[in-house]
Amino acid sequence: MIFILATKLKNLNLDRKEHGEKFLKLVKEKVPNVKWIAHYAILGPYDFIDIFETDNEREAAKVSLLSRIIGADFAESWTAIKYTEFLKLVEDLE
C-alpha cells in the first residue's frame, strides 16, 4: 500500500540533515519494511511530503506517530491508490 505523509515542523531552525537522518533511523528500527518512494520540501500549509510504501495502515500510522515524536507539530497521512488501479475500480462499478 502507498501512503502520503504531510508534516509541519515545530522548528525549522534545527539541523535539518541531522533531524531527517534521526527520523529515518527511528523508522527503520520501528517499521523496518517501509520503502521510501519520495521526500519533498513543499510550499503551503505543510513543510514536507513523504511518499512511502508499507504493508498496512498500522505501519503507516507508526510512521506518522514517529514523525510527531521526532518533532513534527502536525502530521497527516493519506492512502494513495495508483491511477491504473483506480481505473479498475471504476470499471468494476460500470
PDB file of N, CA and C in Angstrom:
ATOM      1  N   MET A   1       0.835  -1.180   0.000  1.00  0.00           N
ATOM      2  CA  MET A   1       0.000   0.000   0.000  1.00  0.00           C
ATOM      3  C   MET A   1       0.881   1.245   0.000  1.00  0.00           C
ATOM      4  N   ILE A   2       0.405   2.258  -0.685  1.00  0.00           N
ATOM      5  CA  ILE A   2       1.155   3.510  -0.761  1.00  0.00           C
ATOM      6  C   ILE A   2       0.473   4.552   0.119  1.00  0.00           C
ATOM      7  N   PHE A   3       1.288   5.312   0.836  1.00  0.00           N
ATOM      8  CA  PHE A   3       0.796   6.347   1.738  1.00  0.00           C
ATOM      9  C   PHE A   3       1.544   7.647   1.500  1.00  0.00           C
ATOM     10  N   ILE A   4       0.871   8.734   1.814  1.00  0.00           N
ATOM     11  CA  ILE A   4       1.467  10.060   1.756  1.00  0.00           C
ATOM     12  C   ILE A   4       1.395  10.654   3.155  1.00  0.00           C
ATOM     13  N   LEU A   5       2.505  11.169   3.623  1.00  0.00           N
ATOM     14  CA  LEU A   5       2.578  11.791   4.939  1.00  0.00           C
ATOM     15  C   LEU A   5       2.938  13.260   4.765  1.00  0.00           C
ATOM     16  N   ALA A   6       2.062  14.137   5.207  1.00  0.00           N
ATOM     17  CA  ALA A   6       2.310  15.578   5.175  1.00  0.00           C
ATOM     18  C   ALA A   6       2.649  16.022   6.594  1.00  0.00           C
ATOM     19  N   THR A   7       3.750  16.753   6.739  1.00  0.00           N
ATOM     20  CA  THR A   7       4.153  17.191   8.077  1.00  0.00           C
ATOM     21  C   THR A   7       4.455  18.684   8.102  1.00  0.00           C
ATOM     22  N   LYS A   8       4.186  19.252   9.248  1.00  0.00           N
ATOM     23  CA  LYS A   8       4.552  20.635   9.539  1.00  0.00           C
ATOM     24  C   LYS A   8       5.412  20.573  10.793  1.00  0.00           C
ATOM     25  N   LEU A   9       6.589  21.163  10.720  1.00  0.00           N
ATOM     26  CA  LEU A   9       7.536  21.075  11.821  1.00  0.00           C
ATOM     27  C   LEU A   9       7.341  22.195  12.828  1.00  0.00           C
ATOM     28  N   LYS A  10       7.703  21.913  14.063  1.00  0.00           N
ATOM     29  CA  LYS A  10       7.650  22.921  15.118  1.00  0.00           C
ATOM     30  C   LYS A  10       8.719  23.974  14.911  1.00  0.00           C
ATOM     31  N   ASN A  11       9.900  23.541  14.472  1.00  0.00           N
ATOM     32  CA  ASN A  11      11.039  24.436  14.403  1.00  0.00           C
ATOM     33  C   ASN A  11      11.870  24.119  13.167  1.00  0.00           C
ATOM     34  N   LEU A  12      11.866  25.003  12.220  1.00  0.00           N
ATOM     35  CA  LEU A  12      12.666  24.794  11.002  1.00  0.00           C
ATOM     36  C   LEU A  12      14.121  25.209  11.187  1.00  0.00           C
ATOM     37  N   ASN A  13      14.478  25.749  12.339  1.00  0.00           N
ATOM     38  CA  ASN A  13      15.851  26.179  12.573  1.00  0.00           C
ATOM     39  C   ASN A  13      16.757  25.040  13.039  1.00  0.00           C
ATOM     40  N   LEU A  14      16.207  23.870  13.264  1.00  0.00           N
ATOM     41  CA  LEU A  14      17.009  22.720  13.676  1.00  0.00           C
ATOM     42  C   LEU A  14      17.924  22.293  12.538  1.00  0.00           C
ATOM     43  N   ASP A  15      18.942  21.537  12.854  1.00  0.00           N
ATOM     44  CA  ASP A  15      19.814  20.967  11.821  1.00  0.00           C
ATOM     45  C   ASP A  15      18.981  19.976  11.008  1.00  0.00           C
ATOM     46  N   ARG A  16      18.520  20.391   9.846  1.00  0.00           N
ATOM     47  CA  ARG A  16      17.590  19.595   9.048  1.00  0.00           C
ATOM     48  C   ARG A  16      18.170  18.251   8.651  1.00  0.00           C
ATOM     49  N   LYS A  17      19.427  18.211   8.246  1.00  0.00           N
ATOM     50  CA  LYS A  17      20.014  16.945   7.813  1.00  0.00           C
ATOM     51  C   LYS A  17      20.068  15.960   8.977  1.00  0.00           C
ATOM     52  N   GLU A  18      20.536  16.416  10.126  1.00  0.00           N
ATOM     53  CA  GLU A  18      20.615  15.554  11.311  1.00  0.00           C
ATOM     54  C   GLU A  18      19.225  15.099  11.740  1.00  0.00           C
ATOM     55  N   HIS A  19      18.284  16.012  11.716  1.00  0.00           N
ATOM     56  CA  HIS A  19      16.906  15.707  12.100  1.00  0.00           C
ATOM     57  C   HIS A  19      16.318  14.631  11.183  1.00  0.00           C
ATOM     58  N   GLY A  20      16.502  14.784   9.867  1.00  0.00           N
ATOM     59  CA  GLY A  20      15.987  13.813   8.908  1.00  0.00           C
ATOM     60  C   GLY A  20      16.619  12.445   9.058  1.00  0.00           C
ATOM     61  N   GLU A  21      17.923  12.420   9.291  1.00  0.00           N
ATOM     62  CA  GLU A  21      18.617  11.144   9.488  1.00  0.00           C
ATOM     63  C   GLU A  21      18.135  10.442  10.750  1.00  0.00           C
ATOM     64  N   LYS A  22      17.888  11.204  11.790  1.00  0.00           N
ATOM     65  CA  LYS A  22      17.380  10.638  13.046  1.00  0.00           C
ATOM     66  C   LYS A  22      15.991  10.022  12.830  1.00  0.00           C
ATOM     67  N   PHE A  23      15.136  10.722  12.083  1.00  0.00           N
ATOM     68  CA  PHE A  23      13.801  10.210  11.783  1.00  0.00           C
ATOM     69  C   PHE A  23      13.880   8.918  10.979  1.00  0.00           C
ATOM     70  N   LEU A  24      14.697   8.910   9.926  1.00  0.00           N
ATOM     71  CA  LEU A  24      14.816   7.711   9.092  1.00  0.00           C
ATOM     72  C   LEU A  24      15.358   6.518   9.879  1.00  0.00           C
ATOM     73  N   LYS A  25      16.309   6.774  10.766  1.00  0.00           N
ATOM     74  CA  LYS A  25      16.864   5.704  11.594  1.00  0.00           C
ATOM     75  C   LYS A  25      15.791   5.131  12.518  1.00  0.00           C
ATOM     76  N   LEU A  26      15.002   5.997  13.110  1.00  0.00           N
ATOM     77  CA  LEU A  26      13.940   5.560  14.014  1.00  0.00           C
ATOM     78  C   LEU A  26      12.886   4.753  13.264  1.00  0.00           C
ATOM     79  N   VAL A  27      12.505   5.209  12.076  1.00  0.00           N
ATOM     80  CA  VAL A  27      11.522   4.465  11.280  1.00  0.00           C
ATOM     81  C   VAL A  27      12.085   3.102  10.892  1.00  0.00           C
ATOM     82  N   LYS A  28      13.353   3.064  10.500  1.00  0.00           N
ATOM     83  CA  LYS A  28      13.973   1.789  10.104  1.00  0.00           C
ATOM     84  C   LYS A  28      13.971   0.791  11.268  1.00  0.00           C
ATOM     85  N   GLU A  29      14.170   1.285  12.480  1.00  0.00           N
ATOM     86  CA  GLU A  29      14.158   0.422  13.665  1.00  0.00           C
ATOM     87  C   GLU A  29      12.753  -0.069  14.008  1.00  0.00           C
ATOM     88  N   LYS A  30      11.776   0.826  13.933  1.00  0.00           N
ATOM     89  CA  LYS A  30      10.418   0.518  14.394  1.00  0.00           C
ATOM     90  C   LYS A  30       9.499  -0.047  13.311  1.00  0.00           C
ATOM     91  N   VAL A  31       9.751   0.319  12.059  1.00  0.00           N
ATOM     92  CA  VAL A  31       8.923  -0.140  10.936  1.00  0.00           C
ATOM     93  C   VAL A  31       9.865  -0.506   9.791  1.00  0.00           C
ATOM     94  N   PRO A  32      10.596  -1.620   9.927  1.00  0.00           N
ATOM     95  CA  PRO A  32      11.697  -1.930   9.007  1.00  0.00           C
ATOM     96  C   PRO A  32      11.314  -2.177   7.552  1.00  0.00           C
ATOM     97  N   ASN A  33      10.078  -2.523   7.269  1.00  0.00           N
ATOM     98  CA  ASN A  33       9.730  -2.839   5.881  1.00  0.00           C
ATOM     99  C   ASN A  33       9.194  -1.636   5.105  1.00  0.00           C
ATOM    100  N   VAL A  34       9.290  -0.424   5.650  1.00  0.00           N
ATOM    101  CA  VAL A  34       8.867   0.765   4.910  1.00  0.00           C
ATOM    102  C   VAL A  34       9.819   0.988   3.740  1.00  0.00           C
ATOM    103  N   LYS A  35       9.229   1.240   2.567  1.00  0.00           N
ATOM    104  CA  LYS A  35      10.013   1.568   1.378  1.00  0.00           C
ATOM    105  C   LYS A  35       9.716   3.027   1.034  1.00  0.00           C
ATOM    106  N   TRP A  36      10.750   3.875   1.092  1.00  0.00           N
ATOM    107  CA  TRP A  36      10.582   5.292   0.785  1.00  0.00           C
ATOM    108  C   TRP A  36      10.550   5.483  -0.714  1.00  0.00           C
ATOM    109  N   ILE A  37       9.567   6.194  -1.199  1.00  0.00           N
ATOM    110  CA  ILE A  37       9.427   6.470  -2.624  1.00  0.00           C
ATOM    111  C   ILE A  37       9.915   7.881  -2.935  1.00  0.00           C
ATOM    112  N   ALA A  38       9.525   8.857  -2.116  1.00  0.00           N
ATOM    113  CA  ALA A  38       9.925  10.244  -2.365  1.00  0.00           C
ATOM    114  C   ALA A  38       9.813  11.071  -1.090  1.00  0.00           C
ATOM    115  N   HIS A  39      10.588  12.157  -1.055  1.00  0.00           N
ATOM    116  CA  HIS A  39      10.561  13.113   0.060  1.00  0.00           C
ATOM    117  C   HIS A  39      10.732  14.504  -0.541  1.00  0.00           C
ATOM    118  N   TYR A  40       9.785  15.385  -0.261  1.00  0.00           N
ATOM    119  CA  TYR A  40       9.824  16.729  -0.828  1.00  0.00           C
ATOM    120  C   TYR A  40       9.613  17.778   0.258  1.00  0.00           C
ATOM    121  N   ALA A  41      10.387  18.848   0.188  1.00  0.00           N
ATOM    122  CA  ALA A  41      10.078  20.064   0.935  1.00  0.00           C
ATOM    123  C   ALA A  41       9.107  20.827   0.048  1.00  0.00           C
ATOM    124  N   ILE A  42       8.026  21.340   0.649  1.00  0.00           N
ATOM    125  CA  ILE A  42       6.981  21.948  -0.168  1.00  0.00           C
ATOM    126  C   ILE A  42       6.581  23.323   0.363  1.00  0.00           C
ATOM    127  N   LEU A  43       5.901  24.069  -0.482  1.00  0.00           N
ATOM    128  CA  LEU A  43       5.311  25.338  -0.097  1.00  0.00           C
ATOM    129  C   LEU A  43       3.862  25.077   0.308  1.00  0.00           C
ATOM    130  N   GLY A  44       3.324  25.921   1.144  1.00  0.00           N
ATOM    131  CA  GLY A  44       1.931  25.755   1.544  1.00  0.00           C
ATOM    132  C   GLY A  44       1.818  25.486   3.033  1.00  0.00           C
ATOM    133  N   PRO A  45       0.720  24.895   3.463  1.00  0.00           N
ATOM    134  CA  PRO A  45       0.498  24.707   4.901  1.00  0.00           C
ATOM    135  C   PRO A  45       1.399  23.650   5.548  1.00  0.00           C
ATOM    136  N   TYR A  46       2.009  22.792   4.757  1.00  0.00           N
ATOM    137  CA  TYR A  46       2.916  21.775   5.269  1.00  0.00           C
ATOM    138  C   TYR A  46       4.347  22.108   4.855  1.00  0.00           C
ATOM    139  N   ASP A  47       5.302  21.539   5.578  1.00  0.00           N
ATOM    140  CA  ASP A  47       6.715  21.741   5.255  1.00  0.00           C
ATOM    141  C   ASP A  47       7.267  20.624   4.374  1.00  0.00           C
ATOM    142  N   PHE A  48       6.776  19.391   4.594  1.00  0.00           N
ATOM    143  CA  PHE A  48       7.303  18.233   3.870  1.00  0.00           C
ATOM    144  C   PHE A  48       6.186  17.273   3.484  1.00  0.00           C
ATOM    145  N   ILE A  49       6.414  16.567   2.384  1.00  0.00           N
ATOM    146  CA  ILE A  49       5.562  15.464   1.937  1.00  0.00           C
ATOM    147  C   ILE A  49       6.473  14.254   1.747  1.00  0.00           C
ATOM    148  N   ASP A  50       6.087  13.151   2.353  1.00  0.00           N
ATOM    149  CA  ASP A  50       6.793  11.882   2.158  1.00  0.00           C
ATOM    150  C   ASP A  50       5.837  10.903   1.503  1.00  0.00           C
ATOM    151  N   ILE A  51       6.327  10.177   0.530  1.00  0.00           N
ATOM    152  CA  ILE A  51       5.556   9.125  -0.118  1.00  0.00           C
ATOM    153  C   ILE A  51       6.288   7.827   0.163  1.00  0.00           C
ATOM    154  N   PHE A  52       5.549   6.872   0.719  1.00  0.00           N
ATOM    155  CA  PHE A  52       6.187   5.609   1.091  1.00  0.00           C
ATOM    156  C   PHE A  52       5.224   4.454   0.918  1.00  0.00           C
ATOM    157  N   GLU A  53       5.793   3.271   0.895  1.00  0.00           N
ATOM    158  CA  GLU A  53       5.015   2.047   0.750  1.00  0.00           C
ATOM    159  C   GLU A  53       5.248   1.176   1.974  1.00  0.00           C
ATOM    160  N   THR A  54       4.179   0.594   2.468  1.00  0.00           N
ATOM    161  CA  THR A  54       4.271  -0.351   3.574  1.00  0.00           C
ATOM    162  C   THR A  54       3.082  -1.298   3.497  1.00  0.00           C
ATOM    163  N   ASP A  55       3.072  -2.295   4.345  1.00  0.00           N
ATOM    164  CA  ASP A  55       2.090  -3.368   4.220  1.00  0.00           C
ATOM    165  C   ASP A  55       0.659  -2.995   4.588  1.00  0.00           C
ATOM    166  N   ASN A  56       0.488  -2.078   5.549  1.00  0.00           N
ATOM    167  CA  ASN A  56      -0.859  -1.817   6.031  1.00  0.00           C
ATOM    168  C   ASN A  56      -0.958  -0.468   6.740  1.00  0.00           C
ATOM    169  N   GLU A  57      -2.175  -0.124   7.138  1.00  0.00           N
ATOM    170  CA  GLU A  57      -2.445   1.155   7.778  1.00  0.00           C
ATOM    171  C   GLU A  57      -1.766   1.282   9.134  1.00  0.00           C
ATOM    172  N   ARG A  58      -1.629   0.186   9.843  1.00  0.00           N
ATOM    173  CA  ARG A  58      -0.985   0.240  11.164  1.00  0.00           C
ATOM    174  C   ARG A  58       0.468   0.696  11.054  1.00  0.00           C
ATOM    175  N   GLU A  59       1.173   0.156  10.079  1.00  0.00           N
ATOM    176  CA  GLU A  59       2.568   0.555   9.886  1.00  0.00           C
ATOM    177  C   GLU A  59       2.661   2.007   9.425  1.00  0.00           C
ATOM    178  N   ALA A  60       1.727   2.425   8.574  1.00  0.00           N
ATOM    179  CA  ALA A  60       1.698   3.824   8.143  1.00  0.00           C
ATOM    180  C   ALA A  60       1.430   4.739   9.334  1.00  0.00           C
ATOM    181  N   ALA A  61       0.556   4.307  10.228  1.00  0.00           N
ATOM    182  CA  ALA A  61       0.270   5.093  11.428  1.00  0.00           C
ATOM    183  C   ALA A  61       1.509   5.220  12.308  1.00  0.00           C
ATOM    184  N   LYS A  62       2.290   4.164  12.378  1.00  0.00           N
ATOM    185  CA  LYS A  62       3.540   4.225  13.147  1.00  0.00           C
ATOM    186  C   LYS A  62       4.490   5.276  12.572  1.00  0.00           C
ATOM    187  N   VAL A  63       4.591   5.321  11.249  1.00  0.00           N
ATOM    188  CA  VAL A  63       5.464   6.318  10.611  1.00  0.00           C
ATOM    189  C   VAL A  63       4.987   7.723  10.972  1.00  0.00           C
ATOM    190  N   SER A  64       3.688   7.934  10.905  1.00  0.00           N
ATOM    191  CA  SER A  64       3.119   9.236  11.243  1.00  0.00           C
ATOM    192  C   SER A  64       3.380   9.595  12.703  1.00  0.00           C
ATOM    193  N   LEU A  65       3.167   8.639  13.596  1.00  0.00           N
ATOM    194  CA  LEU A  65       3.412   8.880  15.022  1.00  0.00           C
ATOM    195  C   LEU A  65       4.884   9.160  15.302  1.00  0.00           C
ATOM    196  N   LEU A  66       5.762   8.446  14.625  1.00  0.00           N
ATOM    197  CA  LEU A  66       7.196   8.684  14.809  1.00  0.00           C
ATOM    198  C   LEU A  66       7.592  10.086  14.356  1.00  0.00           C
ATOM    199  N   SER A  67       6.938  10.591  13.310  1.00  0.00           N
ATOM    200  CA  SER A  67       7.235  11.953  12.865  1.00  0.00           C
ATOM    201  C   SER A  67       6.846  12.957  13.943  1.00  0.00           C
ATOM    202  N   ARG A  68       5.766  12.672  14.654  1.00  0.00           N
ATOM    203  CA  ARG A  68       5.354  13.560  15.754  1.00  0.00           C
ATOM    204  C   ARG A  68       6.324  13.459  16.927  1.00  0.00           C
ATOM    205  N   ILE A  69       6.759  12.240  17.224  1.00  0.00           N
ATOM    206  CA  ILE A  69       7.707  12.032  18.326  1.00  0.00           C
ATOM    207  C   ILE A  69       9.017  12.763  18.059  1.00  0.00           C
ATOM    208  N   ILE A  70       9.438  12.766  16.802  1.00  0.00           N
ATOM    209  CA  ILE A  70      10.745  13.337  16.444  1.00  0.00           C
ATOM    210  C   ILE A  70      10.678  14.853  16.245  1.00  0.00           C
ATOM    211  N   GLY A  71       9.481  15.457  16.278  1.00  0.00           N
ATOM    212  CA  GLY A  71       9.431  16.909  16.242  1.00  0.00           C
ATOM    213  C   GLY A  71       8.446  17.560  15.295  1.00  0.00           C
ATOM    214  N   ALA A  72       7.638  16.783  14.600  1.00  0.00           N
ATOM    215  CA  ALA A  72       6.620  17.398  13.755  1.00  0.00           C
ATOM    216  C   ALA A  72       5.516  17.959  14.643  1.00  0.00           C
ATOM    217  N   ASP A  73       5.086  19.157  14.347  1.00  0.00           N
ATOM    218  CA  ASP A  73       3.997  19.778  15.085  1.00  0.00           C
ATOM    219  C   ASP A  73       2.661  19.198  14.648  1.00  0.00           C
ATOM    220  N   PHE A  74       2.611  18.804  13.380  1.00  0.00           N
ATOM    221  CA  PHE A  74       1.375  18.292  12.804  1.00  0.00           C
ATOM    222  C   PHE A  74       1.739  17.264  11.740  1.00  0.00           C
ATOM    223  N   ALA A  75       0.999  16.170  11.701  1.00  0.00           N
ATOM    224  CA  ALA A  75       1.222  15.147  10.675  1.00  0.00           C
ATOM    225  C   ALA A  75      -0.135  14.633  10.203  1.00  0.00           C
ATOM    226  N   GLU A  76      -0.260  14.479   8.899  1.00  0.00           N
ATOM    227  CA  GLU A  76      -1.496  13.973   8.317  1.00  0.00           C
ATOM    228  C   GLU A  76      -1.132  12.925   7.282  1.00  0.00           C
ATOM    229  N   SER A  77      -1.796  11.782   7.340  1.00  0.00           N
ATOM    230  CA  SER A  77      -1.492  10.681   6.420  1.00  0.00           C
ATOM    231  C   SER A  77      -2.681  10.397   5.515  1.00  0.00           C
ATOM    232  N   TRP A  78      -2.359  10.040   4.281  1.00  0.00           N
ATOM    233  CA  TRP A  78      -3.384   9.678   3.312  1.00  0.00           C
ATOM    234  C   TRP A  78      -3.002   8.369   2.633  1.00  0.00           C
ATOM    235  N   THR A  79      -4.015   7.576   2.298  1.00  0.00           N
ATOM    236  CA  THR A  79      -3.799   6.386   1.482  1.00  0.00           C
ATOM    237  C   THR A  79      -3.820   6.820   0.018  1.00  0.00           C
ATOM    238  N   ALA A  80      -2.918   6.289  -0.775  1.00  0.00           N
ATOM    239  CA  ALA A  80      -2.870   6.619  -2.197  1.00  0.00           C
ATOM    240  C   ALA A  80      -3.121   5.358  -3.024  1.00  0.00           C
ATOM    241  N   ILE A  81      -3.915   5.517  -4.062  1.00  0.00           N
ATOM    242  CA  ILE A  81      -4.207   4.411  -4.979  1.00  0.00           C
ATOM    243  C   ILE A  81      -3.604   4.778  -6.333  1.00  0.00           C
ATOM    244  N   LYS A  82      -2.824   3.871  -6.889  1.00  0.00           N
ATOM    245  CA  LYS A  82      -2.266   4.123  -8.223  1.00  0.00           C
ATOM    246  C   LYS A  82      -3.407   4.368  -9.209  1.00  0.00           C
ATOM    247  N   TYR A  83      -3.161   5.272 -10.147  1.00  0.00           N
ATOM    248  CA  TYR A  83      -4.213   5.662 -11.078  1.00  0.00           C
ATOM    249  C   TYR A  83      -4.744   4.473 -11.870  1.00  0.00           C
ATOM    250  N   THR A  84      -3.860   3.577 -12.304  1.00  0.00           N
ATOM    251  CA  THR A  84      -4.312   2.407 -13.074  1.00  0.00           C
ATOM    252  C   THR A  84      -5.223   1.513 -12.234  1.00  0.00           C
ATOM    253  N   GLU A  85      -4.925   1.407 -10.929  1.00  0.00           N
ATOM    254  CA  GLU A  85      -5.780   0.619 -10.040  1.00  0.00           C
ATOM    255  C   GLU A  85      -7.120   1.323  -9.819  1.00  0.00           C
ATOM    256  N   PHE A  86      -7.082   2.651  -9.747  1.00  0.00           N
ATOM    257  CA  PHE A  86      -8.306   3.424  -9.608  1.00  0.00           C
ATOM    258  C   PHE A  86      -9.225   3.204 -10.807  1.00  0.00           C
ATOM    259  N   LEU A  87      -8.626   3.196 -12.005  1.00  0.00           N
ATOM    260  CA  LEU A  87      -9.433   2.974 -13.202  1.00  0.00           C
ATOM    261  C   LEU A  87     -10.115   1.599 -13.175  1.00  0.00           C
ATOM    262  N   LYS A  88      -9.424   0.606 -12.627  1.00  0.00           N
ATOM    263  CA  LYS A  88     -10.028  -0.727 -12.495  1.00  0.00           C
ATOM    264  C   LYS A  88     -11.209  -0.686 -11.531  1.00  0.00           C
ATOM    265  N   LEU A  89     -11.081   0.082 -10.462  1.00  0.00           N
ATOM    266  CA  LEU A  89     -12.203   0.235  -9.524  1.00  0.00           C
ATOM    267  C   LEU A  89     -13.421   0.839 -10.218  1.00  0.00           C
ATOM    268  N   VAL A  90     -13.165   1.851 -11.036  1.00  0.00           N
ATOM    269  CA  VAL A  90     -14.253   2.495 -11.764  1.00  0.00           C
ATOM    270  C   VAL A  90     -14.906   1.513 -12.738  1.00  0.00           C
ATOM    271  N   GLU A  91     -14.085   0.708 -13.410  1.00  0.00           N
ATOM    272  CA  GLU A  91     -14.622  -0.285 -14.346  1.00  0.00           C
ATOM    273  C   GLU A  91     -15.529  -1.276 -13.625  1.00  0.00           C
ATOM    274  N   ASP A  92     -15.169  -1.650 -12.405  1.00  0.00           N
ATOM    275  CA  ASP A  92     -15.966  -2.596 -11.626  1.00  0.00           C
ATOM    276  C   ASP A  92     -17.346  -2.026 -11.290  1.00  0.00           C
ATOM    277  N   LEU A  93     -17.479  -0.713 -11.308  1.00  0.00           N
ATOM    278  CA  LEU A  93     -18.759  -0.079 -10.970  1.00  0.00           C
ATOM    279  C   LEU A  93     -19.686   0.070 -12.175  1.00  0.00           C
ATOM    280  N   GLU A  94     -19.146  -0.136 -13.352  1.00  0.00           N
ATOM    281  CA  GLU A  94     -19.976   0.031 -14.564  1.00  0.00           C
ATOM    282  C   GLU A  94     -20.900  -1.135 -14.765  1.00  0.00           C
TER     283      GLU A  94
END
